[in-house]
Amino acid sequence: MFRLMGTIYKDTHMVKSTVICDETDTSRTKKVFHCLDAICYEFDLEKPLWLDVNIKDFQKHAKARFNQDNFIEVLDFDFLEIQVIEEG
């Protein structure tokens, strides 16, 4: 099972959090994008743009933060953080 947690932070406080599971037999990359799409849908956000720094952080730590630079719309929070919490 693959689980990805998405959390929205504002002023160092957690505002929203969710965990999305993916049990398909696809690649890890497809699972990440599928879960991120589901998180954005649940939080009513557009999909963030992946910048080089996000890709490097995710590859190294299985975690990425998306701030205003990653979105076209104006955000009412500081950042969205995604983190892989289970791979198996």
PDB file of N, CA and C in Angstrom:
ATOM      1  N   MET A   1       0.838  -1.167   0.000  1.00  0.00           N
ATOM      2  CA  MET A   1       0.000   0.000   0.000  1.00  0.00           C
ATOM      3  C   MET A   1       0.892   1.242   0.000  1.00  0.00           C
ATOM      4  N   PHE A   2       0.443   2.251  -0.689  1.00  0.00           N
ATOM      5  CA  PHE A   2       1.156   3.524  -0.780  1.00  0.00           C
ATOM      6  C   PHE A   2       0.254   4.576  -0.142  1.00  0.00           C
ATOM      7  N   ARG A   3       0.797   5.331   0.812  1.00  0.00           N
ATOM      8  CA  ARG A   3       0.020   6.384   1.463  1.00  0.00           C
ATOM      9  C   ARG A   3       0.802   7.690   1.425  1.00  0.00           C
ATOM     10  N   LEU A   4       0.097   8.760   1.052  1.00  0.00           N
ATOM     11  CA  LEU A   4       0.674  10.094   0.961  1.00  0.00           C
ATOM     12  C   LEU A   4      -0.153  11.025   1.844  1.00  0.00           C
ATOM     13  N   MET A   5       0.526  11.765   2.714  1.00  0.00           N
ATOM     14  CA  MET A   5      -0.155  12.713   3.581  1.00  0.00           C
ATOM     15  C   MET A   5       0.010  14.116   3.019  1.00  0.00           C
ATOM     16  N   GLY A   6      -1.064  14.853   2.989  1.00  0.00           N
ATOM     17  CA  GLY A   6      -1.048  16.245   2.568  1.00  0.00           C
ATOM     18  C   GLY A   6      -1.497  17.125   3.718  1.00  0.00           C
ATOM     19  N   THR A   7      -0.731  18.186   3.987  1.00  0.00           N
ATOM     20  CA  THR A   7      -1.035  19.062   5.110  1.00  0.00           C
ATOM     21  C   THR A   7      -0.885  20.513   4.687  1.00  0.00           C
ATOM     22  N   ILE A   8      -1.836  21.330   5.094  1.00  0.00           N
ATOM     23  CA  ILE A   8      -1.783  22.773   4.832  1.00  0.00           C
ATOM     24  C   ILE A   8      -1.410  23.475   6.132  1.00  0.00           C
ATOM     25  N   TYR A   9      -0.428  24.380   6.046  1.00  0.00           N
ATOM     26  CA  TYR A   9       0.042  25.142   7.204  1.00  0.00           C
ATOM     27  C   TYR A   9      -0.164  26.633   6.978  1.00  0.00           C
ATOM     28  N   LYS A  10      -0.549  27.312   8.049  1.00  0.00           N
ATOM     29  CA  LYS A  10      -0.637  28.773   8.034  1.00  0.00           C
ATOM     30  C   LYS A  10      -0.124  29.281   9.369  1.00  0.00           C
ATOM     31  N   ASP A  11       0.821  30.190   9.346  1.00  0.00           N
ATOM     32  CA  ASP A  11       1.422  30.759  10.557  1.00  0.00           C
ATOM     33  C   ASP A  11       1.918  29.659  11.496  1.00  0.00           C
ATOM     34  N   THR A  12       2.624  28.709  10.956  1.00  0.00           N
ATOM     35  CA  THR A  12       3.217  27.558  11.658  1.00  0.00           C
ATOM     36  C   THR A  12       2.198  26.614  12.307  1.00  0.00           C
ATOM     37  N   HIS A  13       0.921  26.760  11.969  1.00  0.00           N
ATOM     38  CA  HIS A  13      -0.116  25.879  12.499  1.00  0.00           C
ATOM     39  C   HIS A  13      -0.689  25.007  11.378  1.00  0.00           C
ATOM     40  N   MET A  14      -0.963  23.758  11.722  1.00  0.00           N
ATOM     41  CA  MET A  14      -1.606  22.862  10.772  1.00  0.00           C
ATOM     42  C   MET A  14      -3.078  23.254  10.654  1.00  0.00           C
ATOM     43  N   VAL A  15      -3.514  23.521   9.430  1.00  0.00           N
ATOM     44  CA  VAL A  15      -4.891  23.945   9.200  1.00  0.00           C
ATOM     45  C   VAL A  15      -5.743  22.771   8.731  1.00  0.00           C
ATOM     46  N   LYS A  16      -5.226  22.004   7.780  1.00  0.00           N
ATOM     47  CA  LYS A  16      -5.929  20.836   7.238  1.00  0.00           C
ATOM     48  C   LYS A  16      -4.916  19.729   7.007  1.00  0.00           C
ATOM     49  N   SER A  17      -5.399  18.501   7.115  1.00  0.00           N
ATOM     50  CA  SER A  17      -4.538  17.371   6.849  1.00  0.00           C
ATOM     51  C   SER A  17      -5.378  16.209   6.339  1.00  0.00           C
ATOM     52  N   THR A  18      -4.812  15.435   5.445  1.00  0.00           N
ATOM     53  CA  THR A  18      -5.496  14.261   4.917  1.00  0.00           C
ATOM     54  C   THR A  18      -4.460  13.229   4.500  1.00  0.00           C
ATOM     55  N   VAL A  19      -4.888  11.983   4.431  1.00  0.00           N
ATOM     56  CA  VAL A  19      -4.039  10.895   3.959  1.00  0.00           C
ATOM     57  C   VAL A  19      -4.774  10.203   2.813  1.00  0.00           C
ATOM     58  N   ILE A  20      -4.072  10.019   1.709  1.00  0.00           N
ATOM     59  CA  ILE A  20      -4.634   9.363   0.529  1.00  0.00           C
ATOM     60  C   ILE A  20      -3.875   8.059   0.295  1.00  0.00           C
ATOM     61  N   CYS A  21      -4.621   6.990   0.062  1.00  0.00           N
ATOM     62  CA  CYS A  21      -4.036   5.672  -0.191  1.00  0.00           C
ATOM     63  C   CYS A  21      -4.148   5.337  -1.672  1.00  0.00           C
ATOM     64  N   ASP A  22      -3.168   4.637  -2.183  1.00  0.00           N
ATOM     65  CA  ASP A  22      -3.180   4.156  -3.554  1.00  0.00           C
ATOM     66  C   ASP A  22      -2.702   2.713  -3.551  1.00  0.00           C
ATOM     67  N   GLU A  23      -3.571   1.813  -3.973  1.00  0.00           N
ATOM     68  CA  GLU A  23      -3.238   0.391  -3.971  1.00  0.00           C
ATOM     69  C   GLU A  23      -3.104  -0.168  -5.382  1.00  0.00           C
ATOM     70  N   THR A  24      -2.924   0.704  -6.363  1.00  0.00           N
ATOM     71  CA  THR A  24      -2.781   0.247  -7.745  1.00  0.00           C
ATOM     72  C   THR A  24      -1.382  -0.323  -7.974  1.00  0.00           C
ATOM     73  N   ASP A  25      -1.203  -0.993  -9.095  1.00  0.00           N
ATOM     74  CA  ASP A  25       0.095  -1.584  -9.452  1.00  0.00           C
ATOM     75  C   ASP A  25       0.880  -0.694 -10.411  1.00  0.00           C
ATOM     76  N   THR A  26       0.743   0.611 -10.263  1.00  0.00           N
ATOM     77  CA  THR A  26       1.464   1.539 -11.134  1.00  0.00           C
ATOM     78  C   THR A  26       2.795   1.925 -10.507  1.00  0.00           C
ATOM     79  N   SER A  27       3.541   2.754 -11.188  1.00  0.00           N
ATOM     80  CA  SER A  27       4.844   3.195 -10.693  1.00  0.00           C
ATOM     81  C   SER A  27       4.680   4.151  -9.512  1.00  0.00           C
ATOM     82  N   ARG A  28       5.754   4.342  -8.779  1.00  0.00           N
ATOM     83  CA  ARG A  28       5.737   5.251  -7.627  1.00  0.00           C
ATOM     84  C   ARG A  28       5.387   6.671  -8.063  1.00  0.00           C
ATOM     85  N   THR A  29       5.927   7.092  -9.183  1.00  0.00           N
ATOM     86  CA  THR A  29       5.658   8.434  -9.687  1.00  0.00           C
ATOM     87  C   THR A  29       4.177   8.627  -9.968  1.00  0.00           C
ATOM     88  N   LYS A  30       3.551   7.663 -10.612  1.00  0.00           N
ATOM     89  CA  LYS A  30       2.122   7.767 -10.909  1.00  0.00           C
ATOM     90  C   LYS A  30       1.297   7.770  -9.633  1.00  0.00           C
ATOM     91  N   LYS A  31       1.725   7.009  -8.646  1.00  0.00           N
ATOM     92  CA  LYS A  31       1.022   6.984  -7.373  1.00  0.00           C
ATOM     93  C   LYS A  31       1.105   8.355  -6.684  1.00  0.00           C
ATOM     94  N   VAL A  32       2.281   8.963  -6.722  1.00  0.00           N
ATOM     95  CA  VAL A  32       2.462  10.284  -6.111  1.00  0.00           C
ATOM     96  C   VAL A  32       1.545  11.299  -6.781  1.00  0.00           C
ATOM     97  N   PHE A  33       1.530  11.316  -8.107  1.00  0.00           N
ATOM     98  CA  PHE A  33       0.693  12.278  -8.825  1.00  0.00           C
ATOM     99  C   PHE A  33      -0.786  12.005  -8.594  1.00  0.00           C
ATOM    100  N   HIS A  34      -1.180  10.748  -8.546  1.00  0.00           N
ATOM    101  CA  HIS A  34      -2.579  10.410  -8.281  1.00  0.00           C
ATOM    102  C   HIS A  34      -2.992  10.882  -6.896  1.00  0.00           C
ATOM    103  N   CYS A  35      -2.172  10.627  -5.903  1.00  0.00           N
ATOM    104  CA  CYS A  35      -2.474  11.042  -4.530  1.00  0.00           C
ATOM    105  C   CYS A  35      -2.468  12.560  -4.403  1.00  0.00           C
ATOM    106  N   LEU A  36      -1.529  13.225  -5.054  1.00  0.00           N
ATOM    107  CA  LEU A  36      -1.480  14.685  -5.011  1.00  0.00           C
ATOM    108  C   LEU A  36      -2.734  15.279  -5.653  1.00  0.00           C
ATOM    109  N   ASP A  37      -3.179  14.700  -6.758  1.00  0.00           N
ATOM    110  CA  ASP A  37      -4.428  15.153  -7.388  1.00  0.00           C
ATOM    111  C   ASP A  37      -5.601  15.012  -6.426  1.00  0.00           C
ATOM    112  N   ALA A  38      -5.670  13.887  -5.712  1.00  0.00           N
ATOM    113  CA  ALA A  38      -6.758  13.655  -4.761  1.00  0.00           C
ATOM    114  C   ALA A  38      -6.686  14.635  -3.588  1.00  0.00           C
ATOM    115  N   ILE A  39      -5.483  14.931  -3.123  1.00  0.00           N
ATOM    116  CA  ILE A  39      -5.311  15.900  -2.036  1.00  0.00           C
ATOM    117  C   ILE A  39      -5.778  17.279  -2.484  1.00  0.00           C
ATOM    118  N   CYS A  40      -5.365  17.689  -3.672  1.00  0.00           N
ATOM    119  CA  CYS A  40      -5.766  19.000  -4.192  1.00  0.00           C
ATOM    120  C   CYS A  40      -7.281  19.075  -4.386  1.00  0.00           C
ATOM    121  N   TYR A  41      -7.880  17.989  -4.843  1.00  0.00           N
ATOM    122  CA  TYR A  41      -9.331  17.958  -5.007  1.00  0.00           C
ATOM    123  C   TYR A  41     -10.021  18.111  -3.654  1.00  0.00           C
ATOM    124  N   GLU A  42      -9.527  17.386  -2.655  1.00  0.00           N
ATOM    125  CA  GLU A  42     -10.126  17.447  -1.318  1.00  0.00           C
ATOM    126  C   GLU A  42      -9.985  18.826  -0.692  1.00  0.00           C
ATOM    127  N   PHE A  43      -8.852  19.486  -0.918  1.00  0.00           N
ATOM    128  CA  PHE A  43      -8.607  20.816  -0.359  1.00  0.00           C
ATOM    129  C   PHE A  43      -9.089  21.939  -1.274  1.00  0.00           C
ATOM    130  N   ASP A  44      -9.677  21.592  -2.420  1.00  0.00           N
ATOM    131  CA  ASP A  44     -10.165  22.563  -3.406  1.00  0.00           C
ATOM    132  C   ASP A  44      -9.044  23.505  -3.860  1.00  0.00           C
ATOM    133  N   LEU A  45      -7.936  22.894  -4.283  1.00  0.00           N
ATOM    134  CA  LEU A  45      -6.773  23.634  -4.785  1.00  0.00           C
ATOM    135  C   LEU A  45      -6.481  23.226  -6.218  1.00  0.00           C
ATOM    136  N   GLU A  46      -5.830  24.120  -6.939  1.00  0.00           N
ATOM    137  CA  GLU A  46      -5.295  23.723  -8.232  1.00  0.00           C
ATOM    138  C   GLU A  46      -4.057  22.877  -7.997  1.00  0.00           C
ATOM    139  N   LYS A  47      -3.647  22.155  -9.003  1.00  0.00           N
ATOM    140  CA  LYS A  47      -2.442  21.332  -8.870  1.00  0.00           C
ATOM    141  C   LYS A  47      -1.214  22.240  -8.858  1.00  0.00           C
ATOM    142  N   PRO A  48      -0.289  22.006  -7.936  1.00  0.00           N
ATOM    143  CA  PRO A  48       0.911  22.840  -7.872  1.00  0.00           C
ATOM    144  C   PRO A  48       1.903  22.496  -8.988  1.00  0.00           C
ATOM    145  N   LEU A  49       2.711  23.464  -9.311  1.00  0.00           N
ATOM    146  CA  LEU A  49       3.787  23.262 -10.271  1.00  0.00           C
ATOM    147  C   LEU A  49       4.986  22.679  -9.533  1.00  0.00           C
ATOM    148  N   TRP A  50       5.584  21.661 -10.114  1.00  0.00           N
ATOM    149  CA  TRP A  50       6.777  21.055  -9.510  1.00  0.00           C
ATOM    150  C   TRP A  50       8.006  21.821 -10.004  1.00  0.00           C
ATOM    151  N   LEU A  51       8.676  22.507  -9.098  1.00  0.00           N
ATOM    152  CA  LEU A  51       9.924  23.196  -9.420  1.00  0.00           C
ATOM    153  C   LEU A  51      11.089  22.260  -9.104  1.00  0.00           C
ATOM    154  N   ASP A  52      12.265  22.588  -9.601  1.00  0.00           N
ATOM    155  CA  ASP A  52      13.441  21.738  -9.379  1.00  0.00           C
ATOM    156  C   ASP A  52      13.696  21.466  -7.903  1.00  0.00           C
ATOM    157  N   VAL A  53      13.511  22.475  -7.069  1.00  0.00           N
ATOM    158  CA  VAL A  53      13.746  22.308  -5.633  1.00  0.00           C
ATOM    159  C   VAL A  53      12.764  21.301  -5.043  1.00  0.00           C
ATOM    160  N   ASN A  54      11.509  21.304  -5.505  1.00  0.00           N
ATOM    161  CA  ASN A  54      10.517  20.343  -5.014  1.00  0.00           C
ATOM    162  C   ASN A  54      10.887  18.921  -5.416  1.00  0.00           C
ATOM    163  N   ILE A  55      11.337  18.766  -6.634  1.00  0.00           N
ATOM    164  CA  ILE A  55      11.712  17.440  -7.133  1.00  0.00           C
ATOM    165  C   ILE A  55      12.890  16.894  -6.337  1.00  0.00           C
ATOM    166  N   LYS A  56      13.906  17.729  -6.127  1.00  0.00           N
ATOM    167  CA  LYS A  56      15.087  17.293  -5.371  1.00  0.00           C
ATOM    168  C   LYS A  56      14.735  16.932  -3.926  1.00  0.00           C
ATOM    169  N   ASP A  57      13.922  17.770  -3.283  1.00  0.00           N
ATOM    170  CA  ASP A  57      13.514  17.475  -1.906  1.00  0.00           C
ATOM    171  C   ASP A  57      12.709  16.186  -1.831  1.00  0.00           C
ATOM    172  N   PHE A  58      11.813  15.981  -2.787  1.00  0.00           N
ATOM    173  CA  PHE A  58      10.984  14.783  -2.753  1.00  0.00           C
ATOM    174  C   PHE A  58      11.819  13.531  -3.002  1.00  0.00           C
ATOM    175  N   GLN A  59      12.768  13.612  -3.909  1.00  0.00           N
ATOM    176  CA  GLN A  59      13.629  12.462  -4.179  1.00  0.00           C
ATOM    177  C   GLN A  59      14.502  12.125  -2.970  1.00  0.00           C
ATOM    178  N   LYS A  60      14.960  13.149  -2.269  1.00  0.00           N
ATOM    179  CA  LYS A  60      15.875  12.945  -1.149  1.00  0.00           C
ATOM    180  C   LYS A  60      15.161  12.568   0.149  1.00  0.00           C
ATOM    181  N   HIS A  61      14.019  13.222   0.433  1.00  0.00           N
ATOM    182  CA  HIS A  61      13.366  13.068   1.730  1.00  0.00           C
ATOM    183  C   HIS A  61      11.962  12.461   1.672  1.00  0.00           C
ATOM    184  N   ALA A  62      11.445  12.196   0.463  1.00  0.00           N
ATOM    185  CA  ALA A  62      10.057  11.724   0.281  1.00  0.00           C
ATOM    186  C   ALA A  62       9.070  12.740   0.860  1.00  0.00           C
ATOM    187  N   LYS A  63       9.441  14.024   0.750  1.00  0.00           N
ATOM    188  CA  LYS A  63       8.631  15.115   1.277  1.00  0.00           C
ATOM    189  C   LYS A  63       8.855  16.344   0.395  1.00  0.00           C
ATOM    190  N   ALA A  64       7.807  17.115   0.174  1.00  0.00           N
ATOM    191  CA  ALA A  64       7.943  18.347  -0.603  1.00  0.00           C
ATOM    192  C   ALA A  64       6.983  19.396  -0.068  1.00  0.00           C
ATOM    193  N   ARG A  65       7.401  20.660  -0.146  1.00  0.00           N
ATOM    194  CA  ARG A  65       6.558  21.780   0.256  1.00  0.00           C
ATOM    195  C   ARG A  65       6.273  22.636  -0.968  1.00  0.00           C
ATOM    196  N   PHE A  66       5.009  22.983  -1.105  1.00  0.00           N
ATOM    197  CA  PHE A  66       4.573  23.850  -2.199  1.00  0.00           C
ATOM    198  C   PHE A  66       4.055  25.146  -1.602  1.00  0.00           C
ATOM    199  N   ASN A  67       4.693  26.266  -1.971  1.00  0.00           N
ATOM    200  CA  ASN A  67       4.264  27.567  -1.465  1.00  0.00           C
ATOM    201  C   ASN A  67       3.682  28.395  -2.614  1.00  0.00           C
ATOM    202  N   GLN A  68       3.556  29.679  -2.405  1.00  0.00           N
ATOM    203  CA  GLN A  68       2.937  30.550  -3.410  1.00  0.00           C
ATOM    204  C   GLN A  68       3.643  30.471  -4.764  1.00  0.00           C
ATOM    205  N   ASP A  69       4.938  30.206  -4.784  1.00  0.00           N
ATOM    206  CA  ASP A  69       5.676  30.101  -6.036  1.00  0.00           C
ATOM    207  C   ASP A  69       5.208  28.929  -6.903  1.00  0.00           C
ATOM    208  N   ASN A  70       4.571  27.940  -6.295  1.00  0.00           N
ATOM    209  CA  ASN A  70       4.139  26.748  -6.999  1.00  0.00           C
ATOM    210  C   ASN A  70       2.702  26.825  -7.507  1.00  0.00           C
ATOM    211  N   PHE A  71       1.992  27.877  -7.154  1.00  0.00           N
ATOM    212  CA  PHE A  71       0.592  28.021  -7.532  1.00  0.00           C
ATOM    213  C   PHE A  71       0.378  29.301  -8.324  1.00  0.00           C
ATOM    214  N   ILE A  72      -0.587  29.261  -9.221  1.00  0.00           N
ATOM    215  CA  ILE A  72      -0.958  30.463  -9.974  1.00  0.00           C
ATOM    216  C   ILE A  72      -1.941  31.296  -9.161  1.00  0.00           C
ATOM    217  N   GLU A  73      -2.893  30.615  -8.497  1.00  0.00           N
ATOM    218  CA  GLU A  73      -3.878  31.324  -7.683  1.00  0.00           C
ATOM    219  C   GLU A  73      -3.228  31.839  -6.398  1.00  0.00           C
ATOM    220  N   VAL A  74      -3.840  32.844  -5.807  1.00  0.00           N
ATOM    221  CA  VAL A  74      -3.339  33.404  -4.551  1.00  0.00           C
ATOM    222  C   VAL A  74      -3.778  32.482  -3.415  1.00  0.00           C
ATOM    223  N   LEU A  75      -2.833  32.149  -2.553  1.00  0.00           N
ATOM    224  CA  LEU A  75      -3.106  31.221  -1.462  1.00  0.00           C
ATOM    225  C   LEU A  75      -3.493  31.961  -0.191  1.00  0.00           C
ATOM    226  N   ASP A  76      -4.341  31.332   0.619  1.00  0.00           N
ATOM    227  CA  ASP A  76      -4.672  31.902   1.921  1.00  0.00           C
ATOM    228  C   ASP A  76      -3.980  31.119   3.042  1.00  0.00           C
ATOM    229  N   PHE A  77      -2.912  30.414   2.683  1.00  0.00           N
ATOM    230  CA  PHE A  77      -2.103  29.669   3.640  1.00  0.00           C
ATOM    231  C   PHE A  77      -0.641  29.809   3.241  1.00  0.00           C
ATOM    232  N   ASP A  78       0.274  29.327   4.088  1.00  0.00           N
ATOM    233  CA  ASP A  78       1.699  29.485   3.826  1.00  0.00           C
ATOM    234  C   ASP A  78       2.241  28.438   2.864  1.00  0.00           C
ATOM    235  N   PHE A  79       1.921  27.156   3.116  1.00  0.00           N
ATOM    236  CA  PHE A  79       2.398  26.119   2.209  1.00  0.00           C
ATOM    237  C   PHE A  79       1.604  24.830   2.366  1.00  0.00           C
ATOM    238  N   LEU A  80       1.658  24.028   1.315  1.00  0.00           N
ATOM    239  CA  LEU A  80       1.113  22.674   1.300  1.00  0.00           C
ATOM    240  C   LEU A  80       2.301  21.733   1.341  1.00  0.00           C
ATOM    241  N   GLU A  81       2.278  20.816   2.285  1.00  0.00           N
ATOM    242  CA  GLU A  81       3.368  19.840   2.403  1.00  0.00           C
ATOM    243  C   GLU A  81       2.810  18.460   2.119  1.00  0.00           C
ATOM    244  N   ILE A  82       3.526  17.706   1.287  1.00  0.00           N
ATOM    245  CA  ILE A  82       3.169  16.315   1.048  1.00  0.00           C
ATOM    246  C   ILE A  82       4.320  15.447   1.528  1.00  0.00           C
ATOM    247  N   GLN A  83       3.957  14.275   2.040  1.00  0.00           N
ATOM    248  CA  GLN A  83       4.985  13.353   2.555  1.00  0.00           C
ATOM    249  C   GLN A  83       4.502  11.922   2.394  1.00  0.00           C
ATOM    250  N   VAL A  84       5.390  11.082   1.887  1.00  0.00           N
ATOM    251  CA  VAL A  84       5.091   9.655   1.789  1.00  0.00           C
ATOM    252  C   VAL A  84       5.191   9.083   3.202  1.00  0.00           C
ATOM    253  N   ILE A  85       4.117   8.444   3.652  1.00  0.00           N
ATOM    254  CA  ILE A  85       4.152   7.858   4.991  1.00  0.00           C
ATOM    255  C   ILE A  85       4.180   6.342   4.978  1.00  0.00           C
ATOM    256  N   GLU A  86       3.914   5.747   3.806  1.00  0.00           N
ATOM    257  CA  GLU A  86       4.030   4.294   3.716  1.00  0.00           C
ATOM    258  C   GLU A  86       4.214   3.876   2.269  1.00  0.00           C
ATOM    259  N   GLU A  87       5.180   3.025   2.040  1.00  0.00           N
ATOM    260  CA  GLU A  87       5.395   2.411   0.736  1.00  0.00           C
ATOM    261  C   GLU A  87       5.511   0.920   0.959  1.00  0.00           C
ATOM    262  N   GLY A  88       4.825   0.171   0.133  1.00  0.00           N
ATOM    263  CA  GLY A  88       4.941  -1.259   0.371  1.00  0.00           C
ATOM    264  C   GLY A  88       4.420  -2.123  -0.708  1.00  0.00           C
TER     265      GLY A  88
END
